[in-house]
Amino acid sequence: MSTTATPPQSANWQASVAHAFSRAAPRYDALAGAQRHIGDTLWSTLPGRASQVLDLGCGTGYWTHRLAQRYPDAQLTGLDIAPGMLAQAQACYGPRIRWQLGNAEALPFAAERFDLVFSNLAIQWCRDIGMVMNELQRVLARGGQAHLTTLLPGTLVEVAHAWQRPEALLQTPDRNELVRAIEHSGLTPIHQHAERRTFHYPDLNAVMASIKGVGAQVSRPHARRLTRRELQTARERFETLREPQGLPLSYQCLTLHLEKPL
């Protein structure tokens, strides 16, 4: 999940993210093991019934499809910023689900449209978390719920150690910033839980494939290519972190259950 520490203007940033994830769409499902495990933490918290459901940052539609099976009488919408992801989703799961191109900071929906919003590891890519929470509050019906996972600072710290470039990691809002954004939006936090989730890989190539292969890397402008020696040094640094299960890769995860007051 590499990006520049000083992000470009919002439109350029969104275009870069959309491009990275569109390119990754054909191989995303094969490499998204960590993302699937993290998303499973939301499943048991979902309400028993829903009629209008939004999967925010739907990617290739894996969770959208599962939501459609869980709520067979609901109208499902999958929204993503990446056209390539939406094309993959439609090819896999067809037109029963509405696939919508859009940005979480300016949702293309009427007010009070959804009674359930689901979002797994998407909103950390947004530049203005306050706008995201305001938009969730706007599109949720009264009494509607949002069930989200996002990432906190410290995610992929092993990569920062190996490359000696902590500034190259995705700059995520910290938990206090998220709490303030929720409070200002008018949403009610029902539950929040932070935890570190660590996954293991056999070697550095597998580590980097798990990141690049799901689109979670945005090129830094004017970044120079690393030399062969620098790559080898990074590989050696990462090896010092090896555990019996393999090379570790950590995600600092925050699970949120929010509700719009009646």
Foldseek 3Di string as FASTA:
>chain_A
DFEALDDDPQVVLLVLLQVLQLVLQVQQVVQQPVLVVQLVVQVVVDDQEWAEEEEEQCFLPPVQVVVCVSHVNHAYEYEHQHPSRLVNNCVVPNDSHHYYYDDLLDDPDQFQQTQEYEYGADCQSHPDLLSNLLSVLGNHHAFGKYKYKYFAPPFQVLLCQLLVNSSGARHGDHPVVNVVSNVVNQKAWPDKDKDKDKDFDAAPVSVVCSCSSNSNHGDYPPDDDDDPVSVVSSRVRQVVCADPRHRIGMTTMMITMIGHHD
